[in-house]
Amino acid sequence: MRALLLTLAAAGVSACASAKSPACAPAHAQPGATVTCEVPGFPRRPYDIHLPASYSPSNPVPVILAIHGGGGNARAAARTGCPGGEIESPDCLHAAANREGVAVVYPNGTGARLAPNVRTWNAGGGTRGWQCVSGRACKDGVDDVAYFKALLEHLARWVAVDPKRVYATGLSNGAAMSHRLACQMGERIAAIAAVGGANQFATTAACTPPRPVPVLQIHGTADPCWAYAGGAAACAQRDDLPKISVDESMRTWATINGCTSAGGAERLASEPGIETARISWSGCRAETALIRMDGGGHVWPGGWGYLGERIIGPRVDGWSANRVILEFFRAHPMPDSPAR
């Protein structure tokens, strides 16, 4: 496991090469800039922000929180959404979002003691026989909801943020953290898109957002790290306790969002060995959808196969998660009245 975690960390080894980051101020918020900032109260956990070239303080920008997986870090998350891991590619999540006038923030979880750039999130679980996901963040009981609240408060001091268009996405542990933010920060997070990780928070606590939250889940049925059917399967953190299944996670959101039934599967893409379909629930007060990749692994579709198929399962290259996620977020600003 240690070797695997070090491999994960190597994917973003420069994410926090220095514990000291600029004290970010409006003067740093330049069009097209990439800036690293500390989060007040959370030392050595800075965030990177990619501002669009169209940024102007007179025109507040939407913001996507793109949350790394367990064992990763901010730079690894940035590479995950890039074909081939090429962070300068115009097809990266931050590049595609910036072209639409959207800023992308890559935050950092809690670092391991001996490998501080191997980072995790406390996304929930840990009692009632359920696994806590994951790592040191869980062991130390880190309050990562407080971290994201502090991050957003800090960001709003120096960047003009559109408060109705703050979104969360992520892979694996980052996906599970997105679910937790939807449960506990539904008044701030307009919508989420979770890739390869489900709502573990709801296994041990009440998920009670103040409003229905639009949810898009993307998951492969051949995912060896977070099995579609749930259970204790894992790629890095070994734990005999289970993770929630994708179907149970979706049932939870369908109930929260007042859905009446799941619709049929609409084919989205096809490639050798993998069929991708979109399943949308009906009668919902907020869009609730699952993109199921039959035969797909623990991957960001169209992104970087960071550890190879032997570890994370079959890649999915027939469609772009970046495009689908951006379309989903574009369709779901925070409603004027957030009440249920």
C-alpha atoms as a PDB file:
ATOM      1  CA  MET A   1       0.000   0.000   0.000  1.00  0.00           C
ATOM      2  CA  ARG A   2       2.852   2.399   0.843  1.00  0.00           C
ATOM      3  CA  ALA A   3       4.346   1.996  -2.623  1.00  0.00           C
ATOM      4  CA  LEU A   4       0.976   2.676  -4.220  1.00  0.00           C
ATOM      5  CA  LEU A   5       0.409   5.806  -2.173  1.00  0.00           C
ATOM      6  CA  LEU A   6       3.854   7.096  -3.086  1.00  0.00           C
ATOM      7  CA  THR A   7       3.018   6.497  -6.731  1.00  0.00           C
ATOM      8  CA  LEU A   8      -0.171   8.506  -6.294  1.00  0.00           C
ATOM      9  CA  ALA A   9       1.734  11.319  -4.638  1.00  0.00           C
ATOM     10  CA  ALA A  10       4.326  11.355  -7.401  1.00  0.00           C
ATOM     11  CA  ALA A  11       1.529  12.265  -9.794  1.00  0.00           C
ATOM     12  CA  GLY A  12       1.438  15.698  -8.195  1.00  0.00           C
ATOM     13  CA  VAL A  13       4.725  15.987  -6.403  1.00  0.00           C
ATOM     14  CA  SER A  14       4.995  19.732  -6.973  1.00  0.00           C
ATOM     15  CA  ALA A  15       1.514  20.527  -5.696  1.00  0.00           C
ATOM     16  CA  CYS A  16       2.821  21.856  -2.407  1.00  0.00           C
ATOM     17  CA  ALA A  17       6.559  22.092  -2.868  1.00  0.00           C
ATOM     18  CA  SER A  18       6.501  25.010  -0.465  1.00  0.00           C
ATOM     19  CA  ALA A  19       4.414  25.307   2.683  1.00  0.00           C
ATOM     20  CA  LYS A  20       4.416  29.086   2.166  1.00  0.00           C
ATOM     21  CA  SER A  21       1.902  30.518  -0.328  1.00  0.00           C
ATOM     22  CA  PRO A  22       1.044  34.113  -1.221  1.00  0.00           C
ATOM     23  CA  ALA A  23      -1.323  36.041   0.998  1.00  0.00           C
ATOM     24  CA  CYS A  24      -3.800  36.309  -1.860  1.00  0.00           C
ATOM     25  CA  ALA A  25      -5.429  39.673  -2.442  1.00  0.00           C
ATOM     26  CA  PRO A  26      -7.488  41.258  -5.239  1.00  0.00           C
ATOM     27  CA  ALA A  27      -4.237  42.313  -6.943  1.00  0.00           C
ATOM     28  CA  HIS A  28      -3.458  38.620  -7.527  1.00  0.00           C
ATOM     29  CA  ALA A  29      -6.775  38.024  -9.309  1.00  0.00           C
ATOM     30  CA  GLN A  30      -5.508  38.656 -12.823  1.00  0.00           C
ATOM     31  CA  PRO A  31      -7.246  37.311 -15.944  1.00  0.00           C
ATOM     32  CA  GLY A  32      -5.830  33.925 -16.896  1.00  0.00           C
ATOM     33  CA  ALA A  33      -3.752  33.627 -13.728  1.00  0.00           C
ATOM     34  CA  THR A  34      -3.033  30.451 -11.781  1.00  0.00           C
ATOM     35  CA  VAL A  35      -2.526  31.273  -8.108  1.00  0.00           C
ATOM     36  CA  THR A  36      -1.787  29.218  -4.985  1.00  0.00           C
ATOM     37  CA  CYS A  37      -3.290  30.416  -1.693  1.00  0.00           C
ATOM     38  CA  GLU A  38      -3.273  29.250   1.900  1.00  0.00           C
ATOM     39  CA  VAL A  39      -6.569  28.514   3.647  1.00  0.00           C
ATOM     40  CA  PRO A  40      -6.812  30.405   6.961  1.00  0.00           C
ATOM     41  CA  GLY A  41      -6.809  27.984   9.875  1.00  0.00           C
ATOM     42  CA  PHE A  42      -5.592  25.062   7.757  1.00  0.00           C
ATOM     43  CA  PRO A  43      -1.806  25.311   7.426  1.00  0.00           C
ATOM     44  CA  ARG A  44      -0.012  23.421   4.654  1.00  0.00           C
ATOM     45  CA  ARG A  45      -3.299  22.827   2.809  1.00  0.00           C
ATOM     46  CA  PRO A  46      -3.267  25.490   0.083  1.00  0.00           C
ATOM     47  CA  TYR A  47      -5.519  25.569  -2.942  1.00  0.00           C
ATOM     48  CA  ASP A  48      -4.666  26.309  -6.569  1.00  0.00           C
ATOM     49  CA  ILE A  49      -7.070  28.410  -8.621  1.00  0.00           C
ATOM     50  CA  HIS A  50      -7.139  28.733 -12.411  1.00  0.00           C
ATOM     51  CA  LEU A  51      -8.874  31.984 -13.364  1.00  0.00           C
ATOM     52  CA  PRO A  52     -10.362  32.416 -16.846  1.00  0.00           C
ATOM     53  CA  ALA A  53      -8.831  34.911 -19.272  1.00  0.00           C
ATOM     54  CA  SER A  54     -12.196  36.684 -19.280  1.00  0.00           C
ATOM     55  CA  TYR A  55     -12.114  37.319 -15.516  1.00  0.00           C
ATOM     56  CA  SER A  56     -13.161  40.769 -14.345  1.00  0.00           C
ATOM     57  CA  PRO A  57     -13.953  41.810 -10.766  1.00  0.00           C
ATOM     58  CA  SER A  58     -17.075  43.488 -12.116  1.00  0.00           C
ATOM     59  CA  ASN A  59     -18.384  40.160 -13.456  1.00  0.00           C
ATOM     60  CA  PRO A  60     -18.451  37.435 -10.737  1.00  0.00           C
ATOM     61  CA  VAL A  61     -17.258  34.035 -11.952  1.00  0.00           C
ATOM     62  CA  PRO A  62     -18.684  30.564 -11.372  1.00  0.00           C
ATOM     63  CA  VAL A  63     -16.314  28.295  -9.429  1.00  0.00           C
ATOM     64  CA  ILE A  64     -15.766  24.546  -9.615  1.00  0.00           C
ATOM     65  CA  LEU A  65     -14.134  22.805  -6.658  1.00  0.00           C
ATOM     66  CA  ALA A  66     -12.246  19.890  -8.279  1.00  0.00           C
ATOM     67  CA  ILE A  67     -11.330  17.546  -5.419  1.00  0.00           C
ATOM     68  CA  HIS A  68      -8.493  15.033  -5.627  1.00  0.00           C
ATOM     69  CA  GLY A  69      -8.799  11.356  -4.770  1.00  0.00           C
ATOM     70  CA  GLY A  70      -7.291   9.540  -1.798  1.00  0.00           C
ATOM     71  CA  GLY A  71      -3.490   9.632  -1.940  1.00  0.00           C
ATOM     72  CA  GLY A  72      -3.542  12.520  -4.397  1.00  0.00           C
ATOM     73  CA  ASN A  73      -3.189  16.270  -4.128  1.00  0.00           C
ATOM     74  CA  ALA A  74      -4.152  19.442  -5.962  1.00  0.00           C
ATOM     75  CA  ARG A  75      -1.756  18.962  -8.868  1.00  0.00           C
ATOM     76  CA  ALA A  76      -2.722  15.314  -9.256  1.00  0.00           C
ATOM     77  CA  ALA A  77      -6.369  16.394  -9.463  1.00  0.00           C
ATOM     78  CA  ALA A  78      -5.494  18.924 -12.151  1.00  0.00           C
ATOM     79  CA  ARG A  79      -3.720  16.214 -14.176  1.00  0.00           C
ATOM     80  CA  THR A  80      -6.552  13.708 -13.725  1.00  0.00           C
ATOM     81  CA  GLY A  81      -8.887  15.786 -15.875  1.00  0.00           C
ATOM     82  CA  CYS A  82      -6.295  16.082 -18.661  1.00  0.00           C
ATOM     83  CA  PRO A  83      -5.824  13.623 -21.541  1.00  0.00           C
ATOM     84  CA  GLY A  84      -2.531  11.848 -20.897  1.00  0.00           C
ATOM     85  CA  GLY A  85      -2.066  13.855 -17.710  1.00  0.00           C
ATOM     86  CA  GLU A  86      -0.737  16.774 -19.786  1.00  0.00           C
ATOM     87  CA  ILE A  87      -1.601  19.709 -17.565  1.00  0.00           C
ATOM     88  CA  GLU A  88      -1.157  22.277 -20.351  1.00  0.00           C
ATOM     89  CA  SER A  89      -3.593  20.464 -22.652  1.00  0.00           C
ATOM     90  CA  PRO A  90      -6.486  22.610 -23.899  1.00  0.00           C
ATOM     91  CA  ASP A  91      -8.748  19.664 -23.059  1.00  0.00           C
ATOM     92  CA  CYS A  92      -8.032  19.700 -19.300  1.00  0.00           C
ATOM     93  CA  LEU A  93     -10.963  20.430 -17.002  1.00  0.00           C
ATOM     94  CA  HIS A  94      -9.547  23.799 -15.956  1.00  0.00           C
ATOM     95  CA  ALA A  95      -8.811  24.796 -19.563  1.00  0.00           C
ATOM     96  CA  ALA A  96     -12.268  23.801 -20.790  1.00  0.00           C
ATOM     97  CA  ALA A  97     -13.924  25.542 -17.837  1.00  0.00           C
ATOM     98  CA  ASN A  98     -11.821  28.684 -18.270  1.00  0.00           C
ATOM     99  CA  ARG A  99     -12.948  28.970 -21.888  1.00  0.00           C
ATOM    100  CA  GLU A 100     -16.513  29.132 -20.557  1.00  0.00           C
ATOM    101  CA  GLY A 101     -15.582  31.838 -18.064  1.00  0.00           C
ATOM    102  CA  VAL A 102     -15.505  29.426 -15.109  1.00  0.00           C
ATOM    103  CA  ALA A 103     -12.746  29.324 -12.475  1.00  0.00           C
ATOM    104  CA  VAL A 104     -11.473  25.973 -11.205  1.00  0.00           C
ATOM    105  CA  VAL A 105     -10.123  25.451  -7.687  1.00  0.00           C
ATOM    106  CA  TYR A 106      -7.968  22.446  -6.795  1.00  0.00           C
ATOM    107  CA  PRO A 107      -7.891  22.067  -2.981  1.00  0.00           C
ATOM    108  CA  ASN A 108      -5.584  19.921  -0.841  1.00  0.00           C
ATOM    109  CA  GLY A 109      -6.631  17.334   1.723  1.00  0.00           C
ATOM    110  CA  THR A 110      -4.742  16.254   4.846  1.00  0.00           C
ATOM    111  CA  GLY A 111      -1.235  14.934   4.216  1.00  0.00           C
ATOM    112  CA  ALA A 112       0.118  11.678   5.622  1.00  0.00           C
ATOM    113  CA  ARG A 113       2.691  12.137   8.378  1.00  0.00           C
ATOM    114  CA  LEU A 114       5.589  10.549   6.495  1.00  0.00           C
ATOM    115  CA  ALA A 115       4.448  11.644   3.036  1.00  0.00           C
ATOM    116  CA  PRO A 116       2.753  15.039   3.372  1.00  0.00           C
ATOM    117  CA  ASN A 117       1.801  15.206  -0.292  1.00  0.00           C
ATOM    118  CA  VAL A 118      -0.175  11.944   0.010  1.00  0.00           C
ATOM    119  CA  ARG A 119      -3.479  13.534   0.936  1.00  0.00           C
ATOM    120  CA  THR A 120      -6.959  12.364   1.904  1.00  0.00           C
ATOM    121  CA  TRP A 121     -10.409  13.712   2.829  1.00  0.00           C
ATOM    122  CA  ASN A 122     -12.727  12.798   5.676  1.00  0.00           C
ATOM    123  CA  ALA A 123     -15.702  12.158   3.415  1.00  0.00           C
ATOM    124  CA  GLY A 124     -17.741  10.170   5.932  1.00  0.00           C
ATOM    125  CA  GLY A 125     -18.458   6.731   7.311  1.00  0.00           C
ATOM    126  CA  GLY A 126     -16.467   5.159  10.124  1.00  0.00           C
ATOM    127  CA  THR A 127     -19.250   3.877  12.400  1.00  0.00           C
ATOM    128  CA  ARG A 128     -22.083   1.327  12.212  1.00  0.00           C
ATOM    129  CA  GLY A 129     -19.786  -1.095  10.425  1.00  0.00           C
ATOM    130  CA  TRP A 130     -18.989   1.232   7.513  1.00  0.00           C
ATOM    131  CA  GLN A 131     -15.563   2.228   6.278  1.00  0.00           C
ATOM    132  CA  CYS A 132     -14.481   5.827   6.753  1.00  0.00           C
ATOM    133  CA  VAL A 133     -13.116   7.278   3.515  1.00  0.00           C
ATOM    134  CA  SER A 134     -10.284   7.858   3.858  1.00  0.00           C
ATOM    135  CA  GLY A 135      -6.782   7.687   5.295  1.00  0.00           C
ATOM    136  CA  ARG A 136      -5.273  10.060   7.819  1.00  0.00           C
ATOM    137  CA  ALA A 137      -8.122  12.555   7.410  1.00  0.00           C
ATOM    138  CA  CYS A 138     -10.468   9.911   8.803  1.00  0.00           C
ATOM    139  CA  LYS A 139      -8.073   8.682  11.480  1.00  0.00           C
ATOM    140  CA  ASP A 140      -7.620  12.228  12.770  1.00  0.00           C
ATOM    141  CA  GLY A 141     -11.303  13.149  12.419  1.00  0.00           C
ATOM    142  CA  VAL A 142     -10.467  16.174  10.272  1.00  0.00           C
ATOM    143  CA  ASP A 143     -13.368  18.582   9.743  1.00  0.00           C
ATOM    144  CA  ASP A 144     -13.122  18.974   5.987  1.00  0.00           C
ATOM    145  CA  VAL A 145     -16.496  20.695   5.754  1.00  0.00           C
ATOM    146  CA  ALA A 146     -14.966  23.470   7.861  1.00  0.00           C
ATOM    147  CA  TYR A 147     -11.986  23.487   5.473  1.00  0.00           C
ATOM    148  CA  PHE A 148     -14.211  24.090   2.450  1.00  0.00           C
ATOM    149  CA  LYS A 149     -16.198  26.774   4.247  1.00  0.00           C
ATOM    150  CA  ALA A 150     -12.947  28.545   5.125  1.00  0.00           C
ATOM    151  CA  LEU A 151     -11.664  28.133   1.565  1.00  0.00           C
ATOM    152  CA  LEU A 152     -14.794  29.669   0.034  1.00  0.00           C
ATOM    153  CA  GLU A 153     -14.812  32.514   2.549  1.00  0.00           C
ATOM    154  CA  HIS A 154     -11.155  33.250   1.785  1.00  0.00           C
ATOM    155  CA  LEU A 155     -11.686  33.002  -1.971  1.00  0.00           C
ATOM    156  CA  ALA A 156     -14.555  35.500  -1.859  1.00  0.00           C
ATOM    157  CA  ARG A 157     -12.254  38.077  -0.235  1.00  0.00           C
ATOM    158  CA  TRP A 158     -10.032  38.394  -3.297  1.00  0.00           C
ATOM    159  CA  VAL A 159     -11.958  36.909  -6.242  1.00  0.00           C
ATOM    160  CA  ALA A 160     -15.392  38.021  -7.438  1.00  0.00           C
ATOM    161  CA  VAL A 161     -17.290  34.727  -7.062  1.00  0.00           C
ATOM    162  CA  ASP A 162     -20.834  34.137  -8.282  1.00  0.00           C
ATOM    163  CA  PRO A 163     -22.443  32.689  -5.119  1.00  0.00           C
ATOM    164  CA  LYS A 164     -25.144  30.972  -7.177  1.00  0.00           C
ATOM    165  CA  ARG A 165     -22.621  29.013  -9.219  1.00  0.00           C
ATOM    166  CA  VAL A 166     -20.288  27.174  -6.856  1.00  0.00           C
ATOM    167  CA  TYR A 167     -19.977  23.485  -7.745  1.00  0.00           C
ATOM    168  CA  ALA A 168     -18.083  20.418  -6.551  1.00  0.00           C
ATOM    169  CA  THR A 169     -16.654  17.479  -8.449  1.00  0.00           C
ATOM    170  CA  GLY A 170     -13.966  14.906  -7.800  1.00  0.00           C
ATOM    171  CA  LEU A 171     -12.719  11.373  -8.261  1.00  0.00           C
ATOM    172  CA  SER A 172     -12.966   8.569  -5.673  1.00  0.00           C
ATOM    173  CA  ASN A 173     -12.353  10.063  -2.196  1.00  0.00           C
ATOM    174  CA  GLY A 174     -12.892  13.457  -3.847  1.00  0.00           C
ATOM    175  CA  ALA A 175     -16.209  12.260  -5.257  1.00  0.00           C
ATOM    176  CA  ALA A 176     -17.296  11.095  -1.818  1.00  0.00           C
ATOM    177  CA  MET A 177     -16.261  14.478  -0.413  1.00  0.00           C
ATOM    178  CA  SER A 178     -18.422  16.154  -3.062  1.00  0.00           C
ATOM    179  CA  HIS A 179     -21.376  14.124  -1.793  1.00  0.00           C
ATOM    180  CA  ARG A 180     -20.640  15.193   1.765  1.00  0.00           C
ATOM    181  CA  LEU A 181     -20.519  18.847   0.720  1.00  0.00           C
ATOM    182  CA  ALA A 182     -23.893  18.467  -0.988  1.00  0.00           C
ATOM    183  CA  CYS A 183     -25.307  16.985   2.220  1.00  0.00           C
ATOM    184  CA  GLN A 184     -23.811  19.542   4.600  1.00  0.00           C
ATOM    185  CA  MET A 185     -23.261  22.645   2.463  1.00  0.00           C
ATOM    186  CA  GLY A 186     -26.284  22.531   0.187  1.00  0.00           C
ATOM    187  CA  GLU A 187     -26.831  26.239   0.786  1.00  0.00           C
ATOM    188  CA  ARG A 188     -23.421  26.958  -0.841  1.00  0.00           C
ATOM    189  CA  ILE A 189     -22.936  24.128  -3.362  1.00  0.00           C
ATOM    190  CA  ALA A 190     -25.264  24.510  -6.346  1.00  0.00           C
ATOM    191  CA  ALA A 191     -24.695  21.003  -7.779  1.00  0.00           C
ATOM    192  CA  ILE A 192     -22.211  18.129  -7.697  1.00  0.00           C
ATOM    193  CA  ALA A 193     -20.735  15.654 -10.165  1.00  0.00           C
ATOM    194  CA  ALA A 194     -19.111  12.638  -8.495  1.00  0.00           C
ATOM    195  CA  VAL A 195     -16.800  10.292 -10.418  1.00  0.00           C
ATOM    196  CA  GLY A 196     -15.912   6.872  -9.009  1.00  0.00           C
ATOM    197  CA  GLY A 197     -17.075   7.559  -5.449  1.00  0.00           C
ATOM    198  CA  ALA A 198     -20.504   7.546  -3.787  1.00  0.00           C
ATOM    199  CA  ASN A 199     -22.295   9.056  -0.768  1.00  0.00           C
ATOM    200  CA  GLN A 200     -20.431   7.379   2.101  1.00  0.00           C
ATOM    201  CA  PHE A 201     -21.469  10.185   4.443  1.00  0.00           C
ATOM    202  CA  ALA A 202     -25.084   9.004   4.268  1.00  0.00           C
ATOM    203  CA  THR A 203     -24.163   5.557   5.646  1.00  0.00           C
ATOM    204  CA  THR A 204     -23.611   6.904   9.153  1.00  0.00           C
ATOM    205  CA  ALA A 205     -25.236  10.349   9.272  1.00  0.00           C
ATOM    206  CA  ALA A 206     -28.356  12.070   8.029  1.00  0.00           C
ATOM    207  CA  CYS A 207     -27.896  13.719   4.657  1.00  0.00           C
ATOM    208  CA  THR A 208     -30.240  16.687   5.038  1.00  0.00           C
ATOM    209  CA  PRO A 209     -29.404  19.512   2.638  1.00  0.00           C
ATOM    210  CA  PRO A 210     -31.601  22.609   2.978  1.00  0.00           C
ATOM    211  CA  ARG A 211     -32.791  22.163  -0.604  1.00  0.00           C
ATOM    212  CA  PRO A 212     -32.851  19.493  -3.299  1.00  0.00           C
ATOM    213  CA  VAL A 213     -29.360  19.276  -4.818  1.00  0.00           C
ATOM    214  CA  PRO A 214     -28.691  18.363  -8.471  1.00  0.00           C
ATOM    215  CA  VAL A 215     -26.499  15.251  -8.493  1.00  0.00           C
ATOM    216  CA  LEU A 216     -24.646  13.582 -11.352  1.00  0.00           C
ATOM    217  CA  GLN A 217     -22.907  10.286 -10.534  1.00  0.00           C
ATOM    218  CA  ILE A 218     -20.391   8.785 -12.992  1.00  0.00           C
ATOM    219  CA  HIS A 219     -19.254   5.240 -12.208  1.00  0.00           C
ATOM    220  CA  GLY A 220     -17.846   2.151 -13.885  1.00  0.00           C
ATOM    221  CA  THR A 221     -19.220  -1.326 -13.213  1.00  0.00           C
ATOM    222  CA  ALA A 222     -15.657  -2.731 -13.391  1.00  0.00           C
ATOM    223  CA  ASP A 223     -14.279  -0.261 -10.845  1.00  0.00           C
ATOM    224  CA  PRO A 224     -11.878  -2.218  -8.583  1.00  0.00           C
ATOM    225  CA  CYS A 225     -11.301   0.675  -6.165  1.00  0.00           C
ATOM    226  CA  TRP A 226     -14.880   1.640  -5.315  1.00  0.00           C
ATOM    227  CA  ALA A 227     -16.921  -1.315  -6.506  1.00  0.00           C
ATOM    228  CA  TYR A 228     -20.199  -0.417  -8.177  1.00  0.00           C
ATOM    229  CA  ALA A 229     -21.930  -2.941  -5.900  1.00  0.00           C
ATOM    230  CA  GLY A 230     -20.179  -1.563  -2.817  1.00  0.00           C
ATOM    231  CA  GLY A 231     -18.138  -3.636  -0.398  1.00  0.00           C
ATOM    232  CA  ALA A 232     -14.575  -3.572   0.863  1.00  0.00           C
ATOM    233  CA  ALA A 233     -12.719  -3.576  -2.480  1.00  0.00           C
ATOM    234  CA  ALA A 234      -9.966  -0.948  -2.568  1.00  0.00           C
ATOM    235  CA  CYS A 235      -6.889   0.070  -4.540  1.00  0.00           C
ATOM    236  CA  ALA A 236      -4.915   1.833  -1.807  1.00  0.00           C
ATOM    237  CA  GLN A 237      -6.452   1.942   1.673  1.00  0.00           C
ATOM    238  CA  ARG A 238      -7.013  -1.645   2.789  1.00  0.00           C
ATOM    239  CA  ASP A 239     -10.033  -1.971   5.031  1.00  0.00           C
ATOM    240  CA  ASP A 240     -12.335  -4.886   5.705  1.00  0.00           C
ATOM    241  CA  LEU A 241     -15.277  -2.520   6.120  1.00  0.00           C
ATOM    242  CA  PRO A 242     -17.549  -1.730   3.176  1.00  0.00           C
ATOM    243  CA  LYS A 243     -18.262   1.296   1.048  1.00  0.00           C
ATOM    244  CA  ILE A 244     -21.788   2.132  -0.066  1.00  0.00           C
ATOM    245  CA  SER A 245     -22.968   0.829  -3.430  1.00  0.00           C
ATOM    246  CA  VAL A 246     -23.725   3.203  -6.273  1.00  0.00           C
ATOM    247  CA  ASP A 247     -27.344   2.039  -6.468  1.00  0.00           C
ATOM    248  CA  GLU A 248     -27.908   2.669  -2.748  1.00  0.00           C
ATOM    249  CA  SER A 249     -26.247   6.067  -3.012  1.00  0.00           C
ATOM    250  CA  MET A 250     -28.531   6.980  -5.910  1.00  0.00           C
ATOM    251  CA  ARG A 251     -31.602   5.779  -4.005  1.00  0.00           C
ATOM    252  CA  THR A 252     -30.583   8.096  -1.173  1.00  0.00           C
ATOM    253  CA  TRP A 253     -30.411  11.084  -3.501  1.00  0.00           C
ATOM    254  CA  ALA A 254     -33.626  10.115  -5.281  1.00  0.00           C
ATOM    255  CA  THR A 255     -35.394  10.201  -1.911  1.00  0.00           C
ATOM    256  CA  ILE A 256     -33.813  13.515  -0.891  1.00  0.00           C
ATOM    257  CA  ASN A 257     -34.671  15.083  -4.235  1.00  0.00           C
ATOM    258  CA  GLY A 258     -38.251  13.794  -4.237  1.00  0.00           C
ATOM    259  CA  CYS A 259     -37.896  11.638  -7.355  1.00  0.00           C
ATOM    260  CA  THR A 260     -40.697   9.263  -8.279  1.00  0.00           C
ATOM    261  CA  SER A 261     -38.859   6.697 -10.412  1.00  0.00           C
ATOM    262  CA  ALA A 262     -35.770   5.987 -12.483  1.00  0.00           C
ATOM    263  CA  GLY A 263     -36.132   6.278 -16.209  1.00  0.00           C
ATOM    264  CA  GLY A 264     -34.687   4.003 -18.831  1.00  0.00           C
ATOM    265  CA  ALA A 265     -31.050   3.960 -19.848  1.00  0.00           C
ATOM    266  CA  GLU A 266     -30.129   6.328 -22.677  1.00  0.00           C
ATOM    267  CA  ARG A 267     -27.023   5.261 -24.572  1.00  0.00           C
ATOM    268  CA  LEU A 268     -24.274   7.861 -24.280  1.00  0.00           C
ATOM    269  CA  ALA A 269     -21.227   6.202 -25.870  1.00  0.00           C
ATOM    270  CA  SER A 270     -19.802   2.886 -26.993  1.00  0.00           C
ATOM    271  CA  GLU A 271     -16.209   1.680 -27.281  1.00  0.00           C
ATOM    272  CA  PRO A 272     -14.577  -1.764 -27.273  1.00  0.00           C
ATOM    273  CA  GLY A 273     -15.636  -3.571 -24.084  1.00  0.00           C
ATOM    274  CA  ILE A 274     -17.460  -0.582 -22.603  1.00  0.00           C
ATOM    275  CA  GLU A 275     -21.027   0.664 -23.004  1.00  0.00           C
ATOM    276  CA  THR A 276     -21.968   3.937 -21.357  1.00  0.00           C
ATOM    277  CA  ALA A 277     -25.555   4.925 -20.585  1.00  0.00           C
ATOM    278  CA  ARG A 278     -27.230   7.796 -18.753  1.00  0.00           C
ATOM    279  CA  ILE A 279     -30.062   7.017 -16.353  1.00  0.00           C
ATOM    280  CA  SER A 280     -32.196   9.947 -15.205  1.00  0.00           C
ATOM    281  CA  TRP A 281     -34.771   9.842 -12.411  1.00  0.00           C
ATOM    282  CA  SER A 282     -38.170  11.422 -13.013  1.00  0.00           C
ATOM    283  CA  GLY A 283     -40.393  13.641 -10.886  1.00  0.00           C
ATOM    284  CA  CYS A 284     -37.368  15.116  -9.090  1.00  0.00           C
ATOM    285  CA  ARG A 285     -37.177  18.572  -7.536  1.00  0.00           C
ATOM    286  CA  ALA A 286     -33.518  18.621  -8.634  1.00  0.00           C
ATOM    287  CA  GLU A 287     -31.928  16.668 -11.477  1.00  0.00           C
ATOM    288  CA  THR A 288     -30.705  13.269 -10.323  1.00  0.00           C
ATOM    289  CA  ALA A 289     -28.728  11.258 -12.869  1.00  0.00           C
ATOM    290  CA  LEU A 290     -26.290   8.365 -13.152  1.00  0.00           C
ATOM    291  CA  ILE A 291     -23.862   7.743 -15.984  1.00  0.00           C
ATOM    292  CA  ARG A 292     -23.085   4.035 -15.770  1.00  0.00           C
ATOM    293  CA  MET A 293     -20.060   2.752 -17.647  1.00  0.00           C
ATOM    294  CA  ASP A 294     -20.620  -0.974 -18.135  1.00  0.00           C
ATOM    295  CA  GLY A 295     -17.098  -2.402 -18.190  1.00  0.00           C
ATOM    296  CA  GLY A 296     -15.423   0.861 -17.142  1.00  0.00           C
ATOM    297  CA  GLY A 297     -12.903   1.213 -14.326  1.00  0.00           C
ATOM    298  CA  HIS A 298     -11.975   3.741 -11.638  1.00  0.00           C
ATOM    299  CA  VAL A 299     -11.350   6.460 -14.166  1.00  0.00           C
ATOM    300  CA  TRP A 300     -12.099  10.002 -15.268  1.00  0.00           C
ATOM    301  CA  PRO A 301     -13.556   9.463 -18.755  1.00  0.00           C
ATOM    302  CA  GLY A 302     -11.406  11.119 -21.379  1.00  0.00           C
ATOM    303  CA  GLY A 303      -8.812  12.000 -18.731  1.00  0.00           C
ATOM    304  CA  TRP A 304      -5.592  10.546 -17.394  1.00  0.00           C
ATOM    305  CA  GLY A 305      -5.216   6.809 -16.686  1.00  0.00           C
ATOM    306  CA  TYR A 306      -2.950   7.704 -13.779  1.00  0.00           C
ATOM    307  CA  LEU A 307      -2.090   4.229 -12.433  1.00  0.00           C
ATOM    308  CA  GLY A 308      -2.724   1.963 -15.388  1.00  0.00           C
ATOM    309  CA  GLU A 309      -5.455  -0.574 -16.040  1.00  0.00           C
ATOM    310  CA  ARG A 310      -3.877  -3.275 -13.885  1.00  0.00           C
ATOM    311  CA  ILE A 311      -4.693  -1.199 -10.798  1.00  0.00           C
ATOM    312  CA  ILE A 312      -7.662   1.009 -11.696  1.00  0.00           C
ATOM    313  CA  GLY A 313      -9.403  -1.058 -14.360  1.00  0.00           C
ATOM    314  CA  PRO A 314     -10.357  -0.279 -17.962  1.00  0.00           C
ATOM    315  CA  ARG A 315      -9.974   3.253 -19.237  1.00  0.00           C
ATOM    316  CA  VAL A 316     -12.896   5.087 -20.817  1.00  0.00           C
ATOM    317  CA  ASP A 317     -11.920   7.269 -23.765  1.00  0.00           C
ATOM    318  CA  GLY A 318     -15.103   7.348 -25.844  1.00  0.00           C
ATOM    319  CA  TRP A 319     -16.480  10.500 -24.225  1.00  0.00           C
ATOM    320  CA  SER A 320     -15.356  13.419 -22.096  1.00  0.00           C
ATOM    321  CA  ALA A 321     -16.382  13.711 -18.452  1.00  0.00           C
ATOM    322  CA  ASN A 322     -15.208  17.325 -18.583  1.00  0.00           C
ATOM    323  CA  ARG A 323     -17.737  18.210 -21.262  1.00  0.00           C
ATOM    324  CA  VAL A 324     -20.620  16.395 -19.564  1.00  0.00           C
ATOM    325  CA  ILE A 325     -19.840  17.843 -16.134  1.00  0.00           C
ATOM    326  CA  LEU A 326     -19.573  21.387 -17.463  1.00  0.00           C
ATOM    327  CA  GLU A 327     -22.912  20.989 -19.238  1.00  0.00           C
ATOM    328  CA  PHE A 328     -24.493  19.674 -16.030  1.00  0.00           C
ATOM    329  CA  PHE A 329     -23.167  22.539 -13.939  1.00  0.00           C
ATOM    330  CA  ARG A 330     -24.154  25.132 -16.537  1.00  0.00           C
ATOM    331  CA  ALA A 331     -27.747  23.919 -16.295  1.00  0.00           C
ATOM    332  CA  HIS A 332     -27.916  24.152 -12.499  1.00  0.00           C
ATOM    333  CA  PRO A 333     -27.281  27.497 -10.830  1.00  0.00           C
ATOM    334  CA  MET A 334     -28.484  27.853  -7.267  1.00  0.00           C
ATOM    335  CA  PRO A 335     -32.225  28.614  -7.310  1.00  0.00           C
ATOM    336  CA  ASP A 336     -33.396  31.991  -6.038  1.00  0.00           C
ATOM    337  CA  SER A 337     -35.257  30.270  -3.207  1.00  0.00           C
ATOM    338  CA  PRO A 338     -33.151  27.475  -1.680  1.00  0.00           C
ATOM    339  CA  ALA A 339     -35.953  26.243   0.584  1.00  0.00           C
ATOM    340  CA  ARG A 340     -37.218  22.694   0.181  1.00  0.00           C
END
